[in-house]
Amino acid sequence: MAYVAKCTSSPPTPTTLPNPLSSSAATNFVSPPTSQQLSTPVAVVLSPCAACKILRRRCIEKCVLAPYFPPTEPLKFTIAHRVFGASNIIKFLQELPECQRTDAVSSMVYEANARVRDPVYGSAGAICQLQTQVSELQAQLAKARAEVANMQQQQANLLALICMEMKQSAEPIWASHLADTTCFLDDATLSAPWEPLWT
């Protein structure tokens, strides 16, 4: 009974919940970044080049292969490495000046692709095949030009024959017309039939 009287004698104190908009509760939320925080430079971590990634080694700052085998093109180095080997590629690039290295890498990748397709002849086989196609096309072109020249000659001969026949057929017609008109234009022949009418 005493316990109930004790509980009823003192009114219960109301418990206050924290306001979500108060300063103490606002500290729990993450504030959006300010303009000062956005202007600070962020350190960008570059991934190693495709060559060093495939070879599983650390890509140094002055890596010879990094400018020519970017990390976005791993297949490019894979094919070249399969045919030539990484040490040969590095040695070859180190012996060349920097202005020629891009073309050298393109040539090595092209040769490696050709060597994968044709292990015996490589790019020489593709070049030989292209030269054969060029020779065949040149022969077809020469044949077509000869046929065009022959047709043009036949057309010229046909036009010459038509002109000659037109000239030959026109000359007798004009001669016969002239012969017929001379008999009518003679004064003696014109005056002889009309004389009895006037007498």
Protein backbone atom coordinates (compact mmCIF):
# COMPACT_ATOMS: atom_id res chain seq x y z
CA MET A 1 0.00 0.00 0.00
CA ALA A 2 2.80 2.33 0.84
CA TYR A 3 4.27 1.73 -2.56
CA VAL A 4 1.05 2.76 -4.27
CA ALA A 5 0.76 5.88 -2.13
CA LYS A 6 4.33 6.81 -2.94
CA CYS A 7 3.71 6.46 -6.62
CA THR A 8 0.53 8.47 -6.56
CA SER A 9 1.92 11.22 -4.35
CA SER A 10 4.56 12.47 -6.79
CA PRO A 11 3.39 13.19 -10.31
CA PRO A 12 5.42 11.58 -13.00
CA THR A 13 7.88 13.85 -14.68
CA PRO A 14 7.28 14.13 -18.42
CA THR A 15 10.08 12.84 -20.57
CA THR A 16 11.10 15.15 -23.39
CA LEU A 17 12.14 13.74 -26.73
CA PRO A 18 15.00 15.40 -28.58
CA ASN A 19 13.92 17.83 -31.30
CA PRO A 20 15.26 16.71 -34.67
CA LEU A 21 15.73 20.36 -35.63
CA SER A 22 17.67 21.30 -32.51
CA SER A 23 21.41 21.95 -32.63
CA SER A 24 22.28 18.84 -30.64
CA ALA A 25 20.38 16.55 -33.03
CA ALA A 26 21.67 18.36 -36.09
CA THR A 27 25.20 17.34 -35.20
CA ASN A 28 24.26 13.74 -35.99
CA PHE A 29 23.49 14.58 -39.66
CA VAL A 30 26.18 15.07 -42.30
CA SER A 31 26.25 18.58 -43.65
CA PRO A 32 26.61 19.10 -47.42
CA PRO A 33 30.09 20.10 -48.63
CA THR A 34 30.77 23.78 -48.81
CA SER A 35 32.49 25.65 -51.63
CA GLN A 36 35.78 25.64 -49.72
CA GLN A 37 35.66 21.87 -49.37
CA LEU A 38 34.92 21.43 -53.10
CA SER A 39 37.78 23.67 -54.18
CA THR A 40 40.43 21.61 -52.40
CA PRO A 41 42.31 19.34 -54.86
CA VAL A 42 41.73 15.64 -54.51
CA ALA A 43 44.65 13.30 -54.99
CA VAL A 44 44.06 11.02 -58.00
CA VAL A 45 45.59 7.57 -57.82
CA LEU A 46 46.60 6.36 -61.28
CA SER A 47 46.41 2.68 -61.99
CA PRO A 48 49.48 0.94 -63.38
CA CYS A 49 49.85 0.56 -67.12
CA ALA A 50 48.57 -2.54 -68.86
CA ALA A 51 52.07 -3.94 -69.23
CA CYS A 52 52.93 -3.70 -65.55
CA LYS A 53 49.51 -4.99 -64.57
CA ILE A 54 49.90 -8.07 -66.76
CA LEU A 55 53.51 -8.61 -65.68
CA ARG A 56 52.43 -8.12 -62.02
CA ARG A 57 55.10 -5.64 -61.17
CA ARG A 58 55.19 -2.13 -59.76
CA CYS A 59 54.72 0.57 -62.38
CA ILE A 60 57.40 3.19 -61.77
CA GLU A 61 57.03 6.87 -62.58
CA LYS A 62 59.17 6.77 -65.75
CA CYS A 63 57.91 3.45 -67.06
CA VAL A 64 58.92 2.94 -70.69
CA LEU A 65 55.78 0.99 -71.50
CA ALA A 66 53.22 3.25 -69.78
CA PRO A 67 52.75 5.85 -72.57
CA TYR A 68 52.16 3.17 -75.21
CA PHE A 69 50.18 0.53 -73.29
CA PRO A 70 47.50 2.35 -71.27
CA PRO A 71 45.53 0.43 -68.62
CA THR A 72 42.37 0.64 -70.78
CA GLU A 73 43.97 -1.48 -73.56
CA PRO A 74 45.35 -4.65 -71.95
CA LEU A 75 44.84 -6.77 -75.08
CA LYS A 76 47.31 -4.59 -76.97
CA PHE A 77 50.18 -5.55 -74.69
CA THR A 78 49.00 -9.15 -74.31
CA ILE A 79 49.34 -9.83 -78.04
CA ALA A 80 52.67 -8.02 -78.36
CA HIS A 81 54.03 -9.77 -75.26
CA ARG A 82 52.95 -13.18 -76.57
CA VAL A 83 54.94 -12.77 -79.80
CA PHE A 84 57.93 -10.57 -78.87
CA GLY A 85 58.26 -10.84 -75.08
CA ALA A 86 58.33 -7.99 -72.58
CA SER A 87 62.12 -7.75 -72.33
CA ASN A 88 62.51 -7.46 -76.11
CA ILE A 89 59.82 -4.78 -76.28
CA ILE A 90 61.49 -2.76 -73.50
CA LYS A 91 64.93 -3.14 -75.07
CA PHE A 92 63.63 -2.15 -78.49
CA LEU A 93 61.87 0.95 -77.15
CA GLN A 94 64.90 2.05 -75.15
CA GLU A 95 67.08 1.95 -78.26
CA LEU A 96 64.71 4.22 -80.20
CA PRO A 97 64.17 7.98 -79.80
CA GLU A 98 60.87 8.99 -78.25
CA CYS A 99 59.53 10.43 -81.50
CA GLN A 100 59.67 6.96 -83.13
CA ARG A 101 58.37 4.84 -80.27
CA THR A 102 54.67 5.29 -81.04
CA ASP A 103 55.11 4.05 -84.61
CA ALA A 104 57.30 1.21 -83.40
CA VAL A 105 54.64 0.04 -80.93
CA SER A 106 51.96 0.22 -83.63
CA SER A 107 54.16 -1.85 -85.96
CA MET A 108 54.85 -4.43 -83.26
CA VAL A 109 51.16 -4.78 -82.40
CA TYR A 110 50.27 -5.12 -86.10
CA GLU A 111 52.96 -7.74 -86.65
CA ALA A 112 51.88 -9.60 -83.51
CA ASN A 113 48.24 -9.68 -84.70
CA ALA A 114 49.35 -10.94 -88.11
CA ARG A 115 51.64 -13.53 -86.51
CA VAL A 116 48.76 -14.81 -84.37
CA ARG A 117 46.58 -15.23 -87.48
CA ASP A 118 49.39 -16.66 -89.62
CA PRO A 119 52.22 -18.08 -87.49
CA VAL A 120 54.36 -18.99 -90.53
CA TYR A 121 54.37 -15.85 -92.66
CA GLY A 122 52.90 -13.19 -90.39
CA SER A 123 52.41 -9.81 -92.02
CA ALA A 124 54.46 -10.92 -95.06
CA GLY A 125 51.69 -13.37 -95.96
CA ALA A 126 49.06 -10.62 -95.74
CA ILE A 127 51.22 -8.30 -97.83
CA CYS A 128 51.75 -11.02 -100.46
CA GLN A 129 48.03 -11.70 -100.60
CA LEU A 130 47.27 -8.00 -101.03
CA GLN A 131 49.88 -7.69 -103.78
CA THR A 132 48.25 -10.62 -105.62
CA GLN A 133 44.86 -8.92 -105.36
CA VAL A 134 46.35 -5.66 -106.66
CA SER A 135 47.91 -7.46 -109.64
CA GLU A 136 44.61 -9.16 -110.47
CA LEU A 137 42.72 -5.89 -110.23
CA GLN A 138 45.29 -4.14 -112.44
CA ALA A 139 44.90 -6.87 -115.06
CA GLN A 140 41.10 -6.53 -114.95
CA LEU A 141 41.43 -2.75 -115.27
CA ALA A 142 43.75 -3.05 -118.29
CA LYS A 143 41.33 -5.50 -119.92
CA ALA A 144 38.38 -3.17 -119.31
CA ARG A 145 40.31 -0.21 -120.75
CA ALA A 146 41.18 -2.25 -123.86
CA GLU A 147 37.52 -3.19 -124.33
CA VAL A 148 36.46 0.45 -123.96
CA ALA A 149 39.08 1.55 -126.52
CA ASN A 150 37.92 -1.19 -128.93
CA MET A 151 34.29 -0.12 -128.57
CA GLN A 152 35.21 3.51 -129.15
CA GLN A 153 37.13 2.53 -132.31
CA GLN A 154 34.16 0.51 -133.58
CA GLN A 155 31.86 3.44 -132.91
CA ALA A 156 34.16 5.80 -134.81
CA ASN A 157 34.37 3.39 -137.77
CA LEU A 158 30.59 3.02 -137.81
CA LEU A 159 30.07 6.79 -137.84
CA ALA A 160 32.59 7.15 -140.68
CA LEU A 161 30.76 4.51 -142.74
CA ILE A 162 27.41 6.20 -142.13
CA CYS A 163 28.81 9.56 -143.22
CA MET A 164 30.30 8.05 -146.41
CA GLU A 165 27.03 6.32 -147.32
CA MET A 166 25.08 9.52 -146.75
CA LYS A 167 27.43 11.45 -149.02
CA GLN A 168 27.30 8.81 -151.76
CA SER A 169 23.50 8.56 -151.63
CA ALA A 170 23.05 12.36 -151.69
CA GLU A 171 25.17 13.02 -154.81
CA PRO A 172 23.00 11.10 -157.42
CA ILE A 173 19.81 12.63 -156.08
CA TRP A 174 21.08 16.14 -156.60
CA ALA A 175 22.48 15.25 -160.03
CA SER A 176 19.13 13.85 -161.23
CA HIS A 177 17.31 16.92 -159.99
CA LEU A 178 19.70 19.15 -161.84
CA ALA A 179 19.28 17.15 -165.08
CA ASP A 180 15.51 17.39 -164.89
CA THR A 181 15.45 21.11 -164.17
CA THR A 182 17.80 22.03 -167.03
CA CYS A 183 15.32 20.78 -169.63
CA PHE A 184 12.60 23.04 -168.20
CA LEU A 185 14.80 26.08 -167.91
CA ASP A 186 15.85 26.11 -171.57
CA ASP A 187 14.33 29.09 -173.51
CA ALA A 188 13.83 27.12 -176.72
CA THR A 189 11.87 24.38 -175.01
CA LEU A 190 9.79 26.86 -173.07
CA SER A 191 8.79 28.98 -176.10
CA ALA A 192 8.08 26.14 -178.58
CA PRO A 193 4.86 24.70 -177.03
CA TRP A 194 3.30 28.12 -176.33
CA GLU A 195 3.72 29.62 -179.81
CA PRO A 196 0.49 28.16 -181.35
CA LEU A 197 -1.56 29.66 -178.52
CA TRP A 198 -0.48 33.17 -179.33
CA THR A 199 -1.00 32.97 -183.08
